[in-house]
Amino acid sequence: MTSSRTAAGWGTATRPGGVRLPFPIIDEVSRHCLSDDEPETVHVEVHLPGRLDPARLRTAFRRALLTHPRVLMREVPGRWHRQSFAWELTGEPDSDPVSFARPGPDALGRARARALTQCPSLALSPPMRLEVIEVDGGTAAGEPPEAGVPGATRTVLLLTMHHTALDAGSGLRVLATTAERYGGSAALSVPGPVRPYPSGPASAATDGTGSAVCARPVRVAPDSRPEPVRARAAGNGMLQAELSVPPRAGRTGGLAPWTVNDQLLVAASLMVRRWNVSQGRPAGPVRITMPVDDRPRGREMPMGNGTRLVEVAMTSEDPRDTDLLLGERPDLAAVARLLGTTARRTRALKSAQGAPLGSGASLLTARLLPVGIRGALTRGARRAAAPWTSTALVTNIGRVPYSLDFGDAGRAHAVWFSAPARMPRGLSVAAASTDGRLHVTLRWSRALLGDAAGAHLAGLFEQSLSTTSQVTRAGSNAWGFGPEAVPEADIPEVAATAPDPEAPGARGKACRPGRPYDRDALRPDPTPGGARSARENRGRPS
């Protein structure tokens, strides 16, 4: 496959018959279940305070791709009766994946819309694209400039990947290498995650505490739009918010009762419960899918889909806590007990070994049948298992481990990313911390929720995270969850460097870094029309 050569050296001929790699389990399952209505995209969004030189950026990105040759891959075409899907490593990009968006006040909104609706092709190497958006004004990227506020041109890098091939961790590593090549600074060593006490394989029938997980998880309740309207809706909606980083729980003897990641899980479960109750649906039981990434973070990081998915049962050990959690003001002692229970479960699941998608997926992808038959069986199993699919996906990168220093363009001051939100789950929450702030992305299936419902859920998540922060600040040991109750501290995640989230000027906001919280602040909408305010989102029909 060839294309015209550019000044940066793109489009060189790809030699046929390169190295071929069979699809891993995660890639094959994703490939079998692709849908045009809900593209399988992952988007990573990096905000820089300055401008980038186009030629230097193209060269730096190309050099980054060559540094990680596993990214330079495309799907090998074949017939339904072949035994496996395969990636072909091309050694060179098939075309230039870098593009510069047409400037304008809604340029970032259009780019976000493309990230949710236009999947990079698996037939071209690499299965990703990088869009560069320049934004003028003194407000957050994507919002109209405020009157009378001078501001220099700033840049947003928006990387879109096909999730059948790559995940957010791989995309961030490529962008980190691009920053090193562009800025010319030597990369600092990046420590990988450590699991101090690895255990044996986790049982699929337990929740990490030994109790059986047999109850069917509750679904996120659909919004109040008429059923025919929801049925015709396609694609994903997305809303991004910048919040205060939740405080880390105090340690006694070097141990902590729960982590920031546990607070995010509990906040997501409270969000879903309160939303369902408001829609007249059952509040629980809630089960959340959580990706676990054990890969090293340096240049040797394996590219691809390198996480394993585990499910966390978000149920309290005391059934009486359910009503206490759903009150107008959740009972802080009940929240503390749920945090402690969740921490024990996540530690057990993180340290356990197991197949990326469980033994069932390993059986469905065994090369005993042609890929066409395996695909039909996989899609049928997915439909049959839909009632037992987890309630939501929560993925947390934690503190972004890279400086993302682009030299004269500056260091990244915000990093957002999003994960697919396909039905039947229909909802994903993604979080990362940069520059002492927590950047959260809610992404939902439009067949489940509209824009107004998504804005409502974002507000519920913010309130729930504020509740877990109150519990943590109040002192974990006061609730009976000291180091004796939790045997092992978790790996370092998000730094607790933010001020009190209840203090003036420190509360969460939607994409307005460094400014006071404003409920009517412009929130980016994934439609080409640009950004809408929270009030408009609540007031208009979805």
Protein backbone atom coordinates (compact mmCIF):
# COMPACT_ATOMS: atom_id res chain seq x y z
CA MET A 1 0.00 0.00 0.00
CA THR A 2 1.59 3.29 -1.08
CA SER A 3 0.83 6.96 -1.09
CA SER A 4 2.59 10.14 -2.09
CA ARG A 5 5.66 11.05 -0.08
CA THR A 6 5.55 14.20 2.04
CA ALA A 7 8.27 16.40 3.47
CA ALA A 8 8.16 14.44 6.71
CA GLY A 9 8.77 11.17 4.87
CA TRP A 10 5.27 9.69 5.10
CA GLY A 11 3.84 7.37 2.54
CA THR A 12 6.87 5.21 1.90
CA ALA A 13 6.12 1.88 0.31
CA THR A 14 5.17 -0.84 2.77
CA ARG A 15 6.90 -4.07 1.91
CA PRO A 16 4.45 -6.97 1.61
CA GLY A 17 4.86 -10.04 3.75
CA GLY A 18 5.91 -8.28 6.96
CA VAL A 19 5.81 -9.82 10.43
CA ARG A 20 2.36 -11.19 11.24
CA LEU A 21 0.93 -11.57 14.74
CA PRO A 22 -2.30 -13.43 15.57
CA PHE A 23 -4.96 -11.34 17.27
CA PRO A 24 -4.84 -11.55 21.08
CA ILE A 25 -8.07 -12.52 22.86
CA ILE A 26 -9.21 -8.95 23.53
CA ASP A 27 -8.59 -7.87 19.93
CA GLU A 28 -10.48 -10.83 18.49
CA VAL A 29 -13.54 -10.39 20.72
CA SER A 30 -13.65 -6.69 19.85
CA ARG A 31 -13.26 -7.47 16.15
CA HIS A 32 -16.17 -9.90 16.23
CA CYS A 33 -18.50 -7.39 17.92
CA LEU A 34 -17.85 -4.22 15.89
CA SER A 35 -20.90 -2.08 15.12
CA ASP A 36 -21.30 0.95 12.87
CA ASP A 37 -23.86 2.44 15.28
CA GLU A 38 -21.36 2.57 18.16
CA PRO A 39 -17.78 2.97 16.86
CA GLU A 40 -15.11 1.32 19.01
CA THR A 41 -12.94 4.39 19.53
CA VAL A 42 -10.67 5.57 22.34
CA HIS A 43 -9.84 9.26 22.45
CA VAL A 44 -6.98 10.96 24.32
CA GLU A 45 -7.00 14.74 24.56
CA VAL A 46 -3.90 16.71 25.64
CA HIS A 47 -4.09 20.47 26.28
CA LEU A 48 -0.91 22.56 25.84
CA PRO A 49 -0.47 26.25 26.72
CA GLY A 50 1.43 27.17 23.52
CA ARG A 51 1.60 26.56 19.79
CA LEU A 52 3.28 23.67 17.98
CA ASP A 53 5.34 23.84 14.83
CA PRO A 54 3.54 21.62 12.26
CA ALA A 55 6.66 20.22 10.56
CA ARG A 56 8.39 19.48 13.86
CA LEU A 57 5.28 17.78 15.21
CA ARG A 58 4.87 15.57 12.13
CA THR A 59 8.50 14.52 12.37
CA ALA A 60 8.30 13.90 16.11
CA PHE A 61 5.14 11.82 15.79
CA ARG A 62 6.63 9.74 12.99
CA ARG A 63 9.76 9.09 15.05
CA ALA A 64 7.55 8.10 17.99
CA LEU A 65 5.73 5.57 15.82
CA LEU A 66 9.03 4.11 14.68
CA THR A 67 10.11 3.88 18.33
CA HIS A 68 7.03 1.75 19.01
CA PRO A 69 6.85 -0.47 15.88
CA ARG A 70 4.02 -2.58 17.37
CA VAL A 71 1.73 0.41 16.70
CA LEU A 72 2.52 0.26 12.97
CA MET A 73 0.10 -2.52 12.17
CA ARG A 74 -2.91 -3.24 10.02
CA GLU A 75 -5.33 -6.13 9.78
CA VAL A 76 -4.44 -8.84 7.29
CA PRO A 77 -7.44 -9.37 4.99
CA GLY A 78 -8.84 -12.86 4.71
CA ARG A 79 -11.91 -15.03 4.30
CA TRP A 80 -14.35 -16.20 6.95
CA HIS A 81 -12.93 -19.71 7.01
CA ARG A 82 -9.39 -18.71 8.05
CA GLN A 83 -8.27 -19.92 11.45
CA SER A 84 -7.38 -16.56 12.98
CA PHE A 85 -7.26 -12.82 12.49
CA ALA A 86 -3.75 -11.42 12.20
CA TRP A 87 -1.96 -8.09 12.43
CA GLU A 88 0.73 -7.25 9.88
CA LEU A 89 3.56 -5.04 11.15
CA THR A 90 4.30 -2.62 8.33
CA GLY A 91 7.46 -0.94 9.63
CA GLU A 92 6.31 2.35 8.07
CA PRO A 93 3.02 4.25 8.21
CA ASP A 94 0.72 3.76 5.24
CA SER A 95 -0.19 7.47 5.32
CA ASP A 96 0.28 10.57 7.42
CA PRO A 97 -2.00 10.27 10.48
CA VAL A 98 -1.41 13.90 11.58
CA SER A 99 -3.90 16.56 10.50
CA PHE A 100 -4.57 20.16 11.50
CA ALA A 101 -8.18 21.14 12.10
CA ARG A 102 -9.69 24.17 10.43
CA PRO A 103 -9.62 26.97 13.02
CA GLY A 104 -12.82 28.32 14.49
CA PRO A 105 -14.73 28.59 17.75
CA ASP A 106 -16.25 25.14 17.30
CA ALA A 107 -13.10 23.40 15.98
CA LEU A 108 -12.61 21.36 19.16
CA GLY A 109 -16.27 20.37 19.28
CA ARG A 110 -16.08 19.08 15.71
CA ALA A 111 -12.88 17.16 16.47
CA ARG A 112 -14.50 15.53 19.51
CA ALA A 113 -17.47 14.58 17.39
CA ARG A 114 -15.17 12.91 14.88
CA ALA A 115 -13.44 11.05 17.72
CA LEU A 116 -16.78 9.51 18.69
CA THR A 117 -18.17 8.81 15.24
CA GLN A 118 -15.26 8.14 12.84
CA CYS A 119 -13.18 5.10 13.70
CA PRO A 120 -9.67 4.85 12.22
CA SER A 121 -9.42 2.10 9.64
CA LEU A 122 -7.97 -1.26 10.66
CA ALA A 123 -6.81 -1.69 7.06
CA LEU A 124 -4.30 1.18 7.34
CA SER A 125 -1.20 1.42 9.50
CA PRO A 126 -1.31 2.83 12.16
CA PRO A 127 -4.96 2.45 13.31
CA MET A 128 -4.92 5.91 14.85
CA ARG A 129 -5.02 9.57 13.87
CA LEU A 130 -3.77 12.72 15.56
CA GLU A 131 -5.68 15.97 15.11
CA VAL A 132 -4.14 19.29 16.13
CA ILE A 133 -6.56 22.06 17.12
CA GLU A 134 -5.46 25.61 17.83
CA VAL A 135 -7.65 27.59 20.22
CA ASP A 136 -7.55 31.35 20.82
CA GLY A 137 -8.63 33.15 23.97
CA GLY A 138 -8.11 32.96 27.70
CA THR A 139 -10.69 30.27 28.54
CA ALA A 140 -10.48 26.52 28.41
CA ALA A 141 -10.05 24.95 25.00
CA GLY A 142 -13.28 24.56 23.11
CA GLU A 143 -15.06 27.51 24.72
CA PRO A 144 -15.60 30.95 23.17
CA PRO A 145 -13.12 33.57 24.38
CA GLU A 146 -14.33 35.74 27.23
CA ALA A 147 -14.83 39.39 26.42
CA GLY A 148 -11.86 41.51 27.39
CA VAL A 149 -9.67 38.56 28.38
CA PRO A 150 -6.46 38.43 26.35
CA GLY A 151 -5.10 35.01 25.60
CA ALA A 152 -2.44 33.48 23.43
CA THR A 153 -3.13 30.69 20.99
CA ARG A 154 -3.06 27.32 22.67
CA THR A 155 -3.09 23.80 21.27
CA VAL A 156 -5.10 20.64 21.81
CA LEU A 157 -3.79 17.29 20.60
CA LEU A 158 -6.64 14.85 20.03
CA LEU A 159 -5.55 11.26 19.42
CA THR A 160 -8.22 8.82 18.23
CA MET A 161 -7.51 5.08 18.18
CA HIS A 162 -9.41 1.99 17.12
CA HIS A 163 -9.96 0.08 20.36
CA THR A 164 -9.68 -3.26 18.58
CA ALA A 165 -5.98 -2.46 18.19
CA LEU A 166 -4.93 0.00 20.92
CA ASP A 167 -5.96 1.33 24.31
CA ALA A 168 -5.55 4.64 26.16
CA GLY A 169 -2.34 3.54 27.87
CA SER A 170 -0.70 2.82 24.51
CA GLY A 171 -1.88 6.14 23.10
CA LEU A 172 -0.49 8.08 26.05
CA ARG A 173 2.85 6.31 25.69
CA VAL A 174 3.05 7.28 22.00
CA LEU A 175 2.22 10.91 22.87
CA ALA A 176 4.85 10.88 25.63
CA THR A 177 7.48 9.69 23.14
CA THR A 178 6.29 12.36 20.69
CA ALA A 179 6.82 15.01 23.38
CA GLU A 180 10.34 13.70 24.03
CA ARG A 181 11.17 13.84 20.32
CA TYR A 182 9.60 17.28 19.86
CA GLY A 183 10.98 18.96 22.97
CA GLY A 184 14.37 17.28 22.84
CA SER A 185 14.37 16.58 26.59
CA ALA A 186 15.58 13.26 27.97
CA ALA A 187 12.75 11.14 29.31
CA LEU A 188 12.69 10.43 33.03
CA SER A 189 12.40 6.84 34.16
CA VAL A 190 8.77 5.91 34.71
CA PRO A 191 8.10 3.29 37.38
CA GLY A 192 5.51 0.67 36.55
CA PRO A 193 2.80 -0.59 38.88
CA VAL A 194 3.80 -3.03 41.59
CA ARG A 195 1.60 -5.79 43.01
CA PRO A 196 3.38 -6.70 46.26
CA TYR A 197 1.56 -9.93 46.98
CA PRO A 198 0.42 -11.67 43.77
CA SER A 199 -2.04 -14.43 44.39
CA GLY A 200 -3.33 -17.27 42.31
CA PRO A 201 -6.08 -17.09 39.68
CA ALA A 202 -9.18 -15.25 40.83
CA SER A 203 -12.34 -17.25 40.89
CA ALA A 204 -14.98 -15.98 38.49
CA ALA A 205 -17.65 -16.83 41.05
CA THR A 206 -16.32 -14.56 43.79
CA ASP A 207 -16.14 -10.83 44.30
CA GLY A 208 -12.70 -10.81 45.88
CA THR A 209 -13.97 -11.44 49.40
CA GLY A 210 -15.11 -15.01 48.94
CA SER A 211 -18.83 -14.31 48.73
CA ALA A 212 -20.67 -15.50 45.65
CA VAL A 213 -21.68 -13.04 42.97
CA CYS A 214 -24.86 -14.52 41.61
CA ALA A 215 -27.22 -11.56 41.56
CA ARG A 216 -27.95 -9.99 38.20
CA PRO A 217 -26.42 -6.48 38.16
CA VAL A 218 -28.75 -3.54 37.74
CA ARG A 219 -28.70 -1.66 34.42
CA VAL A 220 -28.37 2.10 34.08
CA ALA A 221 -31.96 3.28 33.68
CA PRO A 222 -32.76 4.83 30.27
CA ASP A 223 -33.81 8.46 30.27
CA SER A 224 -37.33 9.74 29.77
CA ARG A 225 -37.15 10.14 25.99
CA PRO A 226 -39.79 8.15 24.09
CA GLU A 227 -38.70 4.61 23.29
CA PRO A 228 -38.80 5.13 19.48
CA VAL A 229 -36.50 8.18 19.84
CA ARG A 230 -33.96 6.21 21.87
CA ALA A 231 -34.15 3.25 19.50
CA ARG A 232 -33.20 5.46 16.54
CA ALA A 233 -30.32 7.14 18.39
CA ALA A 234 -26.82 6.10 17.37
CA GLY A 235 -23.32 6.74 18.57
CA ASN A 236 -22.01 8.04 21.89
CA GLY A 237 -22.41 11.26 23.83
CA MET A 238 -19.61 12.68 25.95
CA LEU A 239 -19.13 15.26 28.69
CA GLN A 240 -15.86 16.31 30.30
CA ALA A 241 -15.34 17.87 33.71
CA GLU A 242 -12.38 19.11 35.72
CA LEU A 243 -12.68 18.39 39.44
CA SER A 244 -10.58 18.56 42.57
CA VAL A 245 -8.44 15.48 43.12
CA PRO A 246 -9.97 13.45 45.96
CA PRO A 247 -7.70 13.31 49.02
CA ARG A 248 -5.82 10.11 49.76
CA ALA A 249 -6.78 8.34 52.94
CA GLY A 250 -4.38 8.73 55.84
CA ARG A 251 -1.89 5.92 56.34
CA THR A 252 -1.13 4.16 59.60
CA GLY A 253 2.07 2.15 59.59
CA GLY A 254 2.49 2.83 55.87
CA LEU A 255 -0.93 1.39 54.98
CA ALA A 256 -4.05 3.12 53.65
CA PRO A 257 -7.63 1.87 54.04
CA TRP A 258 -8.65 2.81 50.49
CA THR A 259 -7.30 4.55 47.40
CA VAL A 260 -8.46 7.32 45.10
CA ASN A 261 -9.45 4.62 42.62
CA ASP A 262 -11.75 3.08 45.25
CA GLN A 263 -13.34 6.49 45.77
CA LEU A 264 -14.01 6.75 42.03
CA LEU A 265 -15.66 3.32 42.01
CA VAL A 266 -17.87 4.17 44.98
CA ALA A 267 -18.77 7.55 43.48
CA ALA A 268 -19.79 5.88 40.21
CA SER A 269 -21.93 3.32 42.04
CA LEU A 270 -23.67 6.06 44.07
CA MET A 271 -24.21 8.02 40.86
CA VAL A 272 -25.94 5.07 39.18
CA ARG A 273 -28.06 4.25 42.25
CA ARG A 274 -29.30 7.79 42.69
CA TRP A 275 -30.02 8.13 38.96
CA ASN A 276 -31.98 4.87 38.88
CA VAL A 277 -34.06 5.86 41.90
CA SER A 278 -34.87 9.19 40.23
CA GLN A 279 -36.12 7.23 37.20
CA GLY A 280 -38.22 4.84 39.28
CA ARG A 281 -35.87 1.89 38.71
CA PRO A 282 -34.10 -0.43 41.18
CA ALA A 283 -31.01 1.04 42.81
CA GLY A 284 -28.86 -2.10 42.85
CA PRO A 285 -26.96 -4.37 42.91
CA VAL A 286 -24.27 -2.47 41.01
CA ARG A 287 -21.27 -4.17 39.43
CA ILE A 288 -18.49 -2.17 37.80
CA THR A 289 -15.93 -3.33 35.25
CA MET A 290 -12.45 -2.04 36.09
CA PRO A 291 -9.42 -2.37 33.76
CA VAL A 292 -6.16 -3.40 35.46
CA ASP A 293 -2.92 -2.47 33.69
CA ASP A 294 0.29 -4.18 34.88
CA ARG A 295 2.51 -3.05 31.99
CA PRO A 296 5.71 -1.05 32.51
CA ARG A 297 5.37 2.62 31.61
CA GLY A 298 8.73 3.24 29.90
CA ARG A 299 9.57 2.99 26.21
CA GLU A 300 9.56 -0.78 26.57
CA MET A 301 5.82 -0.70 27.33
CA PRO A 302 4.01 -3.30 25.17
CA MET A 303 1.63 -1.63 22.76
CA GLY A 304 -1.89 -2.86 22.07
CA ASN A 305 -4.71 -3.72 24.46
CA GLY A 306 -2.70 -4.52 27.53
CA THR A 307 -5.27 -4.43 30.31
CA ARG A 308 -7.28 -7.20 31.90
CA LEU A 309 -10.87 -6.51 32.88
CA VAL A 310 -12.18 -7.40 36.34
CA GLU A 311 -15.62 -6.87 37.85
CA VAL A 312 -16.09 -5.29 41.26
CA ALA A 313 -19.31 -5.91 43.18
CA MET A 314 -20.33 -2.54 44.64
CA THR A 315 -22.53 -3.96 47.38
CA SER A 316 -22.33 -3.26 51.09
CA GLU A 317 -21.79 -6.14 53.48
CA ASP A 318 -24.62 -4.78 55.66
CA PRO A 319 -27.92 -4.74 53.67
CA ARG A 320 -29.19 -1.91 55.87
CA ASP A 321 -26.61 0.42 54.32
CA THR A 322 -28.54 0.57 51.04
CA ASP A 323 -31.16 2.95 52.44
CA LEU A 324 -28.50 4.96 54.25
CA LEU A 325 -26.58 5.48 51.01
CA LEU A 326 -29.66 6.65 49.11
CA GLY A 327 -30.75 9.36 51.53
CA GLU A 328 -30.78 13.00 50.50
CA ARG A 329 -27.42 13.22 52.27
CA PRO A 330 -25.71 9.81 52.19
CA ASP A 331 -24.76 8.53 55.62
CA LEU A 332 -20.99 9.03 55.91
CA ALA A 333 -20.50 5.93 58.06
CA ALA A 334 -22.26 3.80 55.43
CA VAL A 335 -20.12 5.36 52.70
CA ALA A 336 -17.00 4.58 54.75
CA ARG A 337 -18.05 0.96 55.13
CA LEU A 338 -18.64 0.68 51.36
CA LEU A 339 -15.21 2.24 50.70
CA GLY A 340 -13.54 -0.29 52.99
CA THR A 341 -15.37 -3.24 51.42
CA THR A 342 -14.56 -1.99 47.91
CA ALA A 343 -10.87 -1.58 48.81
CA ARG A 344 -10.59 -5.19 49.97
CA ARG A 345 -12.20 -6.41 46.77
CA THR A 346 -10.10 -4.29 44.40
CA ARG A 347 -6.86 -5.31 46.10
CA ALA A 348 -7.72 -8.97 45.72
CA LEU A 349 -8.68 -8.50 42.06
CA LYS A 350 -5.60 -6.42 41.18
CA SER A 351 -3.17 -8.92 42.66
CA ALA A 352 -4.86 -11.99 41.16
CA GLN A 353 -3.77 -13.54 37.88
CA GLY A 354 -6.22 -14.42 35.14
CA ALA A 355 -7.20 -14.25 31.47
CA PRO A 356 -7.85 -10.72 30.12
CA LEU A 357 -11.56 -11.36 29.56
CA GLY A 358 -12.04 -14.52 31.62
CA SER A 359 -12.11 -18.18 30.72
CA GLY A 360 -15.26 -17.85 28.62
CA ALA A 361 -13.58 -15.52 26.13
CA SER A 362 -10.56 -17.81 25.97
CA LEU A 363 -12.84 -20.69 25.01
CA LEU A 364 -14.72 -18.66 22.37
CA THR A 365 -11.47 -17.59 20.71
CA ALA A 366 -9.79 -20.99 20.74
CA ARG A 367 -8.64 -21.81 17.20
CA LEU A 368 -10.75 -24.92 16.85
CA LEU A 369 -13.23 -23.34 14.42
CA PRO A 370 -12.93 -20.80 11.57
CA VAL A 371 -13.13 -17.13 12.54
CA GLY A 372 -16.53 -16.74 10.88
CA ILE A 373 -18.10 -19.39 13.09
CA ARG A 374 -16.25 -18.12 16.17
CA GLY A 375 -17.58 -14.64 15.44
CA ALA A 376 -21.18 -15.84 15.28
CA LEU A 377 -20.74 -17.74 18.55
CA THR A 378 -19.12 -14.72 20.22
CA ARG A 379 -21.91 -12.36 19.19
CA GLY A 380 -24.53 -14.86 20.31
CA ALA A 381 -22.81 -15.30 23.67
CA ARG A 382 -22.64 -11.53 24.07
CA ARG A 383 -26.37 -11.18 23.48
CA ALA A 384 -27.16 -14.05 25.85
CA ALA A 385 -24.92 -12.61 28.57
CA ALA A 386 -26.28 -9.07 28.21
CA PRO A 387 -28.49 -9.26 31.36
CA TRP A 388 -25.40 -10.16 33.41
CA THR A 389 -23.15 -7.50 31.88
CA SER A 390 -21.74 -5.09 34.46
CA THR A 391 -23.53 -1.83 35.18
CA ALA A 392 -20.77 0.55 34.06
CA LEU A 393 -17.08 0.75 33.13
CA VAL A 394 -14.77 2.86 35.31
CA THR A 395 -11.18 3.24 34.12
CA ASN A 396 -8.65 5.32 36.04
CA ILE A 397 -5.15 6.06 34.77
CA GLY A 398 -4.33 7.91 37.98
CA ARG A 399 -1.65 10.55 37.91
CA VAL A 400 -0.45 10.75 34.29
CA PRO A 401 3.08 9.31 34.60
CA TYR A 402 4.60 11.40 31.80
CA SER A 403 5.61 15.06 31.77
CA LEU A 404 4.31 15.56 28.19
CA ASP A 405 6.74 18.47 27.81
CA PHE A 406 6.62 19.86 24.25
CA GLY A 407 9.42 22.35 24.74
CA ASP A 408 8.46 25.86 23.67
CA ALA A 409 4.79 24.77 23.42
CA GLY A 410 4.80 23.97 27.13
CA ARG A 411 3.77 21.06 29.30
CA ALA A 412 0.33 19.50 29.29
CA HIS A 413 -1.95 21.08 31.89
CA ALA A 414 -4.93 18.81 31.20
CA VAL A 415 -5.33 15.27 29.85
CA TRP A 416 -8.73 13.75 29.16
CA PHE A 417 -9.48 10.37 27.66
CA SER A 418 -12.59 8.32 27.07
CA ALA A 419 -13.48 4.65 26.66
CA PRO A 420 -16.24 3.18 24.47
CA ALA A 421 -19.73 3.03 25.95
CA ARG A 422 -21.47 0.37 23.89
CA MET A 423 -24.74 -1.25 24.83
CA PRO A 424 -25.83 -3.20 26.82
CA ARG A 425 -23.59 -1.47 29.39
CA GLY A 426 -23.96 1.94 27.78
CA LEU A 427 -21.90 4.03 30.25
CA SER A 428 -18.19 4.57 30.90
CA VAL A 429 -16.33 6.87 33.30
CA ALA A 430 -12.66 7.68 32.64
CA ALA A 431 -10.37 9.64 34.96
CA ALA A 432 -6.81 10.96 34.88
CA SER A 433 -4.95 13.47 37.01
CA THR A 434 -2.67 16.20 35.62
CA ASP A 435 -1.25 19.31 37.24
CA GLY A 436 -3.07 18.60 40.49
CA ARG A 437 -6.54 18.38 38.91
CA LEU A 438 -8.79 15.40 38.16
CA HIS A 439 -10.06 15.23 34.58
CA VAL A 440 -13.16 13.07 34.26
CA THR A 441 -14.98 12.02 31.08
CA LEU A 442 -18.47 10.54 31.05
CA ARG A 443 -19.34 8.75 27.82
CA TRP A 444 -22.69 7.14 27.16
CA SER A 445 -24.63 5.37 24.45
CA ARG A 446 -27.24 7.64 22.88
CA ALA A 447 -29.53 4.62 22.70
CA LEU A 448 -29.60 4.79 26.52
CA LEU A 449 -29.17 8.44 27.48
CA GLY A 450 -29.49 11.87 25.90
CA ASP A 451 -27.41 14.97 26.52
CA ALA A 452 -29.62 16.24 29.35
CA ALA A 453 -29.40 12.89 31.14
CA GLY A 454 -25.63 12.83 30.66
CA ALA A 455 -25.31 16.28 32.26
CA HIS A 456 -27.48 15.09 35.16
CA LEU A 457 -25.28 12.03 35.67
CA ALA A 458 -22.17 14.22 35.66
CA GLY A 459 -23.65 16.32 38.44
CA LEU A 460 -24.51 13.21 40.45
CA PHE A 461 -20.97 11.89 40.02
CA GLU A 462 -19.49 15.16 41.26
CA GLN A 463 -21.74 15.15 44.32
CA SER A 464 -20.92 11.51 45.06
CA LEU A 465 -17.17 12.09 44.74
CA SER A 466 -17.50 15.04 47.11
CA THR A 467 -19.14 12.68 49.62
CA THR A 468 -16.30 10.14 49.46
CA SER A 469 -13.84 13.02 49.89
CA GLN A 470 -15.64 14.16 53.03
CA VAL A 471 -15.35 10.66 54.47
CA THR A 472 -11.65 10.47 53.63
CA ARG A 473 -10.87 13.89 55.10
CA ALA A 474 -12.81 13.04 58.25
CA GLY A 475 -10.31 10.28 59.01
CA SER A 476 -10.59 6.70 57.81
CA ASN A 477 -9.67 5.15 61.15
CA ALA A 478 -12.61 6.94 62.79
CA TRP A 479 -14.91 4.62 60.84
CA GLY A 480 -13.12 1.43 61.85
CA PHE A 481 -11.07 0.86 58.69
CA GLY A 482 -7.50 0.98 59.87
CA PRO A 483 -4.61 -1.06 58.50
CA GLU A 484 -5.78 -4.07 60.47
CA ALA A 485 -8.90 -4.21 58.33
CA VAL A 486 -7.11 -3.62 55.02
CA PRO A 487 -4.03 -5.82 54.68
CA GLU A 488 -2.15 -4.01 51.96
CA ALA A 489 -1.80 -0.50 50.59
CA ASP A 490 -2.42 0.05 46.92
CA ILE A 491 0.01 1.23 44.30
CA PRO A 492 0.49 5.02 43.93
CA GLU A 493 -2.33 6.50 41.89
CA VAL A 494 -3.61 10.07 41.88
CA ALA A 495 -1.73 12.65 43.93
CA ALA A 496 -3.78 14.39 46.60
CA THR A 497 -2.47 17.86 45.87
CA ALA A 498 -5.77 19.66 45.39
CA PRO A 499 -7.29 21.96 48.03
CA ASP A 500 -10.46 21.23 49.93
CA PRO A 501 -13.12 20.68 47.21
CA GLU A 502 -15.69 22.44 49.38
CA ALA A 503 -13.56 25.59 49.62
CA PRO A 504 -14.50 28.61 47.45
CA GLY A 505 -12.94 28.40 44.02
CA ALA A 506 -11.85 24.79 44.48
CA ARG A 507 -14.96 22.92 43.45
CA GLY A 508 -15.25 21.04 40.19
CA LYS A 509 -15.95 22.70 36.94
CA ALA A 510 -16.49 21.69 33.37
CA CYS A 511 -13.40 22.30 31.26
CA ARG A 512 -12.50 25.64 32.82
CA PRO A 513 -9.10 25.10 34.44
CA GLY A 514 -8.15 27.58 37.11
CA ARG A 515 -11.51 29.35 37.33
CA PRO A 516 -14.25 29.27 39.99
CA TYR A 517 -16.89 26.63 39.71
CA ASP A 518 -19.89 27.68 37.69
CA ARG A 519 -22.92 25.45 37.24
CA ASP A 520 -23.65 27.25 33.98
CA ALA A 521 -20.11 27.02 32.66
CA LEU A 522 -19.90 25.96 29.05
CA ARG A 523 -19.53 22.22 28.74
CA PRO A 524 -18.24 20.75 25.48
CA ASP A 525 -20.86 18.86 23.55
CA PRO A 526 -19.83 16.14 21.06
CA THR A 527 -21.87 17.64 18.28
CA PRO A 528 -20.40 19.86 15.55
CA GLY A 529 -22.47 22.70 16.98
CA GLY A 530 -19.89 23.32 19.70
CA ALA A 531 -20.35 23.70 23.45
CA ARG A 532 -23.55 24.12 25.41
CA SER A 533 -24.05 25.21 28.98
CA ALA A 534 -25.24 22.85 31.68
CA ARG A 535 -28.47 24.83 31.95
CA GLU A 536 -29.13 24.44 28.22
CA ASN A 537 -28.39 20.74 28.39
CA ARG A 538 -30.92 20.29 31.18
CA GLY A 539 -33.55 22.44 29.55
CA ARG A 540 -33.64 21.17 25.99
CA PRO A 541 -35.02 17.82 24.81
CA SER A 542 -32.36 15.23 24.02
